[in-house]
PDB file of N, CA and C in Angstrom:
ATOM      1  N   MET A   1       0.643  -1.544  -0.063  1.00  0.00           N
ATOM      2  CA  MET A   1      -0.099  -0.135   0.028  1.00  0.00           C
ATOM      3  C   MET A   1       1.235   0.889  -0.057  1.00  0.00           C
ATOM      4  N   PHE A   2       0.455   2.010  -1.301  1.00  0.00           N
ATOM      5  CA  PHE A   2       1.314   3.843  -1.089  1.00  0.00           C
ATOM      6  C   PHE A   2       0.690   4.232  -0.352  1.00  0.00           C
ATOM      7  N   ASN A   3       0.898   5.104   0.305  1.00  0.00           N
ATOM      8  CA  ASN A   3       0.349   6.485   1.181  1.00  0.00           C
ATOM      9  C   ASN A   3       0.722   7.419   1.031  1.00  0.00           C
ATOM     10  N   LEU A   4       0.079   8.593   1.241  1.00  0.00           N
ATOM     11  CA  LEU A   4       0.665  10.279   0.853  1.00  0.00           C
ATOM     12  C   LEU A   4       0.568  10.579   2.171  1.00  0.00           C
ATOM     13  N   TYR A   5       1.597  11.318   3.223  1.00  0.00           N
ATOM     14  CA  TYR A   5       1.649  12.024   4.315  1.00  0.00           C
ATOM     15  C   TYR A   5       2.693  13.126   3.574  1.00  0.00           C
ATOM     16  N   GLU A   6       2.050  14.377   4.400  1.00  0.00           N
ATOM     17  CA  GLU A   6       2.516  15.513   4.726  1.00  0.00           C
ATOM     18  C   GLU A   6       3.203  15.634   6.377  1.00  0.00           C
ATOM     19  N   ILE A   7       4.522  15.837   6.202  1.00  0.00           N
ATOM     20  CA  ILE A   7       5.128  15.785   7.311  1.00  0.00           C
ATOM     21  C   ILE A   7       6.437  17.095   7.492  1.00  0.00           C
ATOM     22  N   TYR A   8       6.450  17.087   8.071  1.00  0.00           N
ATOM     23  CA  TYR A   8       7.613  18.637   8.928  1.00  0.00           C
ATOM     24  C   TYR A   8       8.633  17.434   8.781  1.00  0.00           C
ATOM     25  N   THR A   9       9.819  18.313   8.168  1.00  0.00           N
ATOM     26  CA  THR A   9      11.050  18.421   8.258  1.00  0.00           C
ATOM     27  C   THR A   9      11.954  19.134   9.277  1.00  0.00           C
ATOM     28  N   CYS A  10      12.835  18.633   9.894  1.00  0.00           N
ATOM     29  CA  CYS A  10      14.464  19.258  10.887  1.00  0.00           C
ATOM     30  C   CYS A  10      14.992  19.881   9.484  1.00  0.00           C
ATOM     31  N   ASN A  11      15.810  21.248  10.107  1.00  0.00           N
ATOM     32  CA  ASN A  11      17.046  21.813   8.969  1.00  0.00           C
ATOM     33  C   ASN A  11      17.508  20.663   9.060  1.00  0.00           C
ATOM     34  N   PRO A  12      18.696  20.913   8.424  1.00  0.00           N
ATOM     35  CA  PRO A  12      19.475  19.619   8.182  1.00  0.00           C
ATOM     36  C   PRO A  12      20.821  20.056   8.608  1.00  0.00           C
ATOM     37  N   GLU A  13      20.499  21.795   8.433  1.00  0.00           N
ATOM     38  CA  GLU A  13      22.402  21.762   8.785  1.00  0.00           C
ATOM     39  C   GLU A  13      22.170  22.602  10.897  1.00  0.00           C
ATOM     40  N   THR A  14      20.744  22.622  11.901  1.00  0.00           N
ATOM     41  CA  THR A  14      20.343  23.457  12.619  1.00  0.00           C
ATOM     42  C   THR A  14      19.777  22.160  13.020  1.00  0.00           C
ATOM     43  N   GLY A  15      19.531  21.100  12.981  1.00  0.00           N
ATOM     44  CA  GLY A  15      18.626  20.094  13.164  1.00  0.00           C
ATOM     45  C   GLY A  15      16.772  20.896  14.088  1.00  0.00           C
ATOM     46  N   LYS A  16      16.622  21.893  13.357  1.00  0.00           N
ATOM     47  CA  LYS A  16      15.429  22.808  14.074  1.00  0.00           C
ATOM     48  C   LYS A  16      14.241  22.206  13.533  1.00  0.00           C
ATOM     49  N   ARG A  17      13.473  21.566  14.771  1.00  0.00           N
ATOM     50  CA  ARG A  17      12.349  21.067  14.584  1.00  0.00           C
ATOM     51  C   ARG A  17      11.586  22.226  13.695  1.00  0.00           C
ATOM     52  N   GLY A  18      10.308  21.286  12.504  1.00  0.00           N
ATOM     53  CA  GLY A  18       8.907  22.069  11.620  1.00  0.00           C
ATOM     54  C   GLY A  18       9.640  22.905  10.727  1.00  0.00           C
ATOM     55  N   TRP A  19      10.447  22.965  10.336  1.00  0.00           N
ATOM     56  CA  TRP A  19      11.364  23.549   8.845  1.00  0.00           C
ATOM     57  C   TRP A  19      10.842  24.236   7.583  1.00  0.00           C
ATOM     58  N   ASP A  20      10.442  22.575   6.922  1.00  0.00           N
ATOM     59  CA  ASP A  20       9.825  23.142   6.442  1.00  0.00           C
ATOM     60  C   ASP A  20       8.272  21.803   5.924  1.00  0.00           C
ATOM     61  N   ILE A  21       7.832  21.845   5.131  1.00  0.00           N
ATOM     62  CA  ILE A  21       6.585  20.488   5.288  1.00  0.00           C
ATOM     63  C   ILE A  21       6.829  19.685   3.934  1.00  0.00           C
ATOM     64  N   GLU A  22       6.689  18.412   3.771  1.00  0.00           N
ATOM     65  CA  GLU A  22       6.944  18.109   2.683  1.00  0.00           C
ATOM     66  C   GLU A  22       6.284  17.122   2.316  1.00  0.00           C
ATOM     67  N   PHE A  23       5.191  16.418   1.066  1.00  0.00           N
ATOM     68  CA  PHE A  23       4.691  15.805   0.814  1.00  0.00           C
ATOM     69  C   PHE A  23       5.405  14.245  -0.067  1.00  0.00           C
ATOM     70  N   ILE A  24       5.374  13.139   0.994  1.00  0.00           N
ATOM     71  CA  ILE A  24       6.288  11.800   0.648  1.00  0.00           C
ATOM     72  C   ILE A  24       5.599  10.858   0.505  1.00  0.00           C
ATOM     73  N   ILE A  25       5.260   9.962  -0.054  1.00  0.00           N
ATOM     74  CA  ILE A  25       4.753   9.023  -0.541  1.00  0.00           C
ATOM     75  C   ILE A  25       5.841   7.380   0.422  1.00  0.00           C
ATOM     76  N   ALA A  26       4.762   6.813   1.626  1.00  0.00           N
ATOM     77  CA  ALA A  26       5.492   5.801   2.102  1.00  0.00           C
ATOM     78  C   ALA A  26       4.577   4.897   2.575  1.00  0.00           C
ATOM     79  N   LYS A  27       4.667   3.800   2.723  1.00  0.00           N
ATOM     80  CA  LYS A  27       3.551   2.522   3.242  1.00  0.00           C
ATOM     81  C   LYS A  27       3.273   2.617   4.094  1.00  0.00           C
ATOM     82  N   ASP A  28       3.677   3.554   5.574  1.00  0.00           N
ATOM     83  CA  ASP A  28       2.819   3.986   6.385  1.00  0.00           C
ATOM     84  C   ASP A  28       3.250   5.151   7.317  1.00  0.00           C
ATOM     85  N   ARG A  29       3.515   5.069   8.495  1.00  0.00           N
ATOM     86  CA  ARG A  29       3.834   6.165   9.558  1.00  0.00           C
ATOM     87  C   ARG A  29       5.262   5.279  10.034  1.00  0.00           C
ATOM     88  N   ASP A  30       5.125   4.543   9.788  1.00  0.00           N
ATOM     89  CA  ASP A  30       6.572   4.198  10.160  1.00  0.00           C
ATOM     90  C   ASP A  30       7.320   4.373   9.840  1.00  0.00           C
ATOM     91  N   ASP A  31       7.301   3.660   8.137  1.00  0.00           N
ATOM     92  CA  ASP A  31       8.382   3.778   6.981  1.00  0.00           C
ATOM     93  C   ASP A  31       8.019   5.374   6.764  1.00  0.00           C
ATOM     94  N   ALA A  32       7.376   6.229   6.926  1.00  0.00           N
ATOM     95  CA  ALA A  32       7.268   7.879   6.795  1.00  0.00           C
ATOM     96  C   ALA A  32       7.952   8.155   7.630  1.00  0.00           C
ATOM     97  N   ALA A  33       8.591   7.779   8.941  1.00  0.00           N
ATOM     98  CA  ALA A  33       9.831   8.253   9.593  1.00  0.00           C
ATOM     99  C   ALA A  33      10.968   7.852   9.338  1.00  0.00           C
ATOM    100  N   THR A  34      11.410   7.309   8.194  1.00  0.00           N
ATOM    101  CA  THR A  34      12.544   7.133   7.438  1.00  0.00           C
ATOM    102  C   THR A  34      13.042   7.985   7.138  1.00  0.00           C
ATOM    103  N   PHE A  35      11.745   8.615   6.224  1.00  0.00           N
ATOM    104  CA  PHE A  35      12.758  10.048   5.332  1.00  0.00           C
ATOM    105  C   PHE A  35      13.601  11.015   6.039  1.00  0.00           C
ATOM    106  N   PRO A  36      14.965  11.227   4.959  1.00  0.00           N
ATOM    107  CA  PRO A  36      16.006  11.782   5.350  1.00  0.00           C
ATOM    108  C   PRO A  36      15.177  13.525   6.572  1.00  0.00           C
ATOM    109  N   TYR A  37      15.465  13.923   7.295  1.00  0.00           N
ATOM    110  CA  TYR A  37      15.210  14.539   8.191  1.00  0.00           C
ATOM    111  C   TYR A  37      13.877  14.674   8.706  1.00  0.00           C
ATOM    112  N   PHE A  38      13.006  13.880   8.625  1.00  0.00           N
ATOM    113  CA  PHE A  38      12.379  13.325   9.061  1.00  0.00           C
ATOM    114  C   PHE A  38      11.950  14.178  10.785  1.00  0.00           C
ATOM    115  N   ASP A  39      10.774  14.689  11.102  1.00  0.00           N
ATOM    116  CA  ASP A  39      10.292  15.796  11.927  1.00  0.00           C
ATOM    117  C   ASP A  39       9.326  14.650  12.455  1.00  0.00           C
ATOM    118  N   CYS A  40       7.904  15.114  11.506  1.00  0.00           N
ATOM    119  CA  CYS A  40       6.762  14.529  12.240  1.00  0.00           C
ATOM    120  C   CYS A  40       5.947  14.231  11.286  1.00  0.00           C
ATOM    121  N   VAL A  41       4.817  13.172  12.006  1.00  0.00           N
ATOM    122  CA  VAL A  41       3.252  13.757  10.554  1.00  0.00           C
ATOM    123  C   VAL A  41       2.836  14.358  10.548  1.00  0.00           C
ATOM    124  N   ILE A  42       2.017  14.871   9.452  1.00  0.00           N
ATOM    125  CA  ILE A  42       1.246  16.304   9.824  1.00  0.00           C
ATOM    126  C   ILE A  42      -0.228  15.515   9.747  1.00  0.00           C
ATOM    127  N   MET A  43      -0.625  14.870   8.716  1.00  0.00           N
ATOM    128  CA  MET A  43      -1.529  13.556   7.956  1.00  0.00           C
ATOM    129  C   MET A  43      -0.671  13.245   7.019  1.00  0.00           C
ATOM    130  N   LYS A  44      -1.897  12.332   7.072  1.00  0.00           N
ATOM    131  CA  LYS A  44      -1.845  11.289   5.810  1.00  0.00           C
ATOM    132  C   LYS A  44      -2.897  11.328   4.991  1.00  0.00           C
ATOM    133  N   ASP A  45      -2.743  11.802   3.818  1.00  0.00           N
ATOM    134  CA  ASP A  45      -3.551  13.383   2.547  1.00  0.00           C
ATOM    135  C   ASP A  45      -3.923  12.356   1.857  1.00  0.00           C
ATOM    136  N   GLY A  46      -3.926  10.954   2.039  1.00  0.00           N
ATOM    137  CA  GLY A  46      -4.377   9.941   0.553  1.00  0.00           C
ATOM    138  C   GLY A  46      -3.792   8.449   0.735  1.00  0.00           C
ATOM    139  N   THR A  47      -4.227   7.865  -0.182  1.00  0.00           N
ATOM    140  CA  THR A  47      -3.409   6.702  -1.138  1.00  0.00           C
ATOM    141  C   THR A  47      -3.308   6.237  -2.502  1.00  0.00           C
ATOM    142  N   PHE A  48      -2.415   5.655  -2.611  1.00  0.00           N
ATOM    143  CA  PHE A  48      -2.631   5.491  -4.138  1.00  0.00           C
ATOM    144  C   PHE A  48      -2.525   3.625  -4.338  1.00  0.00           C
ATOM    145  N   GLY A  49      -2.809   3.298  -2.478  1.00  0.00           N
ATOM    146  CA  GLY A  49      -3.210   1.986  -2.760  1.00  0.00           C
ATOM    147  C   GLY A  49      -2.313   0.687  -3.234  1.00  0.00           C
ATOM    148  N   ASP A  50      -2.282   0.240  -4.134  1.00  0.00           N
ATOM    149  CA  ASP A  50      -1.093  -0.687  -4.340  1.00  0.00           C
ATOM    150  C   ASP A  50      -0.683  -0.515  -6.117  1.00  0.00           C
ATOM    151  N   CYS A  51      -0.926   0.520  -6.823  1.00  0.00           N
ATOM    152  CA  CYS A  51      -1.327   1.204  -7.742  1.00  0.00           C
ATOM    153  C   CYS A  51       0.859   1.884  -8.232  1.00  0.00           C
ATOM    154  N   LYS A  52       1.947   1.012  -8.557  1.00  0.00           N
ATOM    155  CA  LYS A  52       2.921   1.591  -8.449  1.00  0.00           C
ATOM    156  C   LYS A  52       3.440   1.963  -9.423  1.00  0.00           C
ATOM    157  N   LEU A  53       2.350   2.264 -10.753  1.00  0.00           N
ATOM    158  CA  LEU A  53       2.340   3.220 -11.667  1.00  0.00           C
ATOM    159  C   LEU A  53       1.871   4.484 -11.021  1.00  0.00           C
ATOM    160  N   SER A  54       0.627   4.656 -10.621  1.00  0.00           N
ATOM    161  CA  SER A  54       0.483   5.982 -10.362  1.00  0.00           C
ATOM    162  C   SER A  54       1.359   6.616  -8.512  1.00  0.00           C
ATOM    163  N   ALA A  55       1.782   5.682  -8.337  1.00  0.00           N
ATOM    164  CA  ALA A  55       2.988   6.580  -6.813  1.00  0.00           C
ATOM    165  C   ALA A  55       4.301   6.850  -7.770  1.00  0.00           C
ATOM    166  N   ALA A  56       4.534   5.905  -9.067  1.00  0.00           N
ATOM    167  CA  ALA A  56       6.238   6.947  -9.431  1.00  0.00           C
ATOM    168  C   ALA A  56       5.849   7.644 -10.234  1.00  0.00           C
ATOM    169  N   ASN A  57       4.679   7.737 -10.556  1.00  0.00           N
ATOM    170  CA  ASN A  57       4.875   8.704 -12.037  1.00  0.00           C
ATOM    171  C   ASN A  57       4.315  10.039 -10.479  1.00  0.00           C
ATOM    172  N   SER A  58       3.869   9.992  -9.594  1.00  0.00           N
ATOM    173  CA  SER A  58       2.909  11.665  -8.545  1.00  0.00           C
ATOM    174  C   SER A  58       3.708  12.119  -8.516  1.00  0.00           C
ATOM    175  N   GLY A  59       5.224  12.110  -8.782  1.00  0.00           N
ATOM    176  CA  GLY A  59       6.041  13.662  -8.662  1.00  0.00           C
ATOM    177  C   GLY A  59       6.571  13.652  -7.457  1.00  0.00           C
ATOM    178  N   TYR A  60       5.677  12.922  -6.628  1.00  0.00           N
ATOM    179  CA  TYR A  60       6.179  13.520  -4.806  1.00  0.00           C
ATOM    180  C   TYR A  60       7.740  12.141  -4.593  1.00  0.00           C
ATOM    181  N   SER A  61       8.133  13.048  -3.386  1.00  0.00           N
ATOM    182  CA  SER A  61       9.313  12.173  -2.688  1.00  0.00           C
ATOM    183  C   SER A  61       9.008  11.063  -2.624  1.00  0.00           C
ATOM    184  N   MET A  62      10.081   9.663  -2.239  1.00  0.00           N
ATOM    185  CA  MET A  62       9.260   8.171  -1.317  1.00  0.00           C
ATOM    186  C   MET A  62       9.955   8.418  -0.320  1.00  0.00           C
ATOM    187  N   THR A  63      10.029   6.710   0.201  1.00  0.00           N
ATOM    188  CA  THR A  63      10.908   6.838   0.968  1.00  0.00           C
ATOM    189  C   THR A  63      12.017   5.210   0.458  1.00  0.00           C
ATOM    190  N   SER A  64      13.087   5.176   1.146  1.00  0.00           N
ATOM    191  CA  SER A  64      13.623   4.326   0.208  1.00  0.00           C
ATOM    192  C   SER A  64      13.230   3.102   0.582  1.00  0.00           C
ATOM    193  N   ALA A  65      12.286   1.925   1.473  1.00  0.00           N
ATOM    194  CA  ALA A  65      11.452   1.184   0.970  1.00  0.00           C
ATOM    195  C   ALA A  65      10.480   1.566  -0.173  1.00  0.00           C
ATOM    196  N   VAL A  66       9.686   2.284  -0.118  1.00  0.00           N
ATOM    197  CA  VAL A  66       9.133   2.944  -1.407  1.00  0.00           C
ATOM    198  C   VAL A  66       9.639   2.881  -2.903  1.00  0.00           C
ATOM    199  N   HIS A  67      10.443   3.632  -2.657  1.00  0.00           N
ATOM    200  CA  HIS A  67      11.463   3.160  -4.069  1.00  0.00           C
ATOM    201  C   HIS A  67      11.795   1.753  -4.443  1.00  0.00           C
ATOM    202  N   LEU A  68      12.442   1.725  -3.370  1.00  0.00           N
ATOM    203  CA  LEU A  68      13.131   0.014  -3.995  1.00  0.00           C
ATOM    204  C   LEU A  68      11.849  -0.836  -3.721  1.00  0.00           C
ATOM    205  N   GLU A  69      10.860  -0.602  -3.572  1.00  0.00           N
ATOM    206  CA  GLU A  69       9.720  -2.322  -4.103  1.00  0.00           C
ATOM    207  C   GLU A  69       9.156  -1.289  -5.737  1.00  0.00           C
ATOM    208  N   ILE A  70       9.151   0.055  -5.921  1.00  0.00           N
ATOM    209  CA  ILE A  70       7.988  -0.142  -7.466  1.00  0.00           C
ATOM    210  C   ILE A  70       9.681  -0.349  -8.026  1.00  0.00           C
ATOM    211  N   TYR A  71      11.031   0.091  -8.240  1.00  0.00           N
ATOM    212  CA  TYR A  71      11.981   0.265  -8.990  1.00  0.00           C
ATOM    213  C   TYR A  71      13.015  -1.511  -9.228  1.00  0.00           C
ATOM    214  N   GLY A  72      12.519  -1.543  -7.701  1.00  0.00           N
ATOM    215  CA  GLY A  72      13.442  -2.864  -7.357  1.00  0.00           C
ATOM    216  C   GLY A  72      14.571  -2.397  -7.217  1.00  0.00           C
TER     217      GLY A  72
END
């Protein structure tokens, strides 16, 4: 299952929390937490179901686990 999450990231230089907002594709909340500079989930915005093509063509960033599942 590929889900769209809205997350806060930390500043990569200072570590300050709530620095920027990203929309990412992740399998679940635990997977979203593996995204670089992850701070916290703001909300789950939707799902792509199991459709790899839709997730790949969405243009959103994705976690390593999702990238590996889609592109092998």
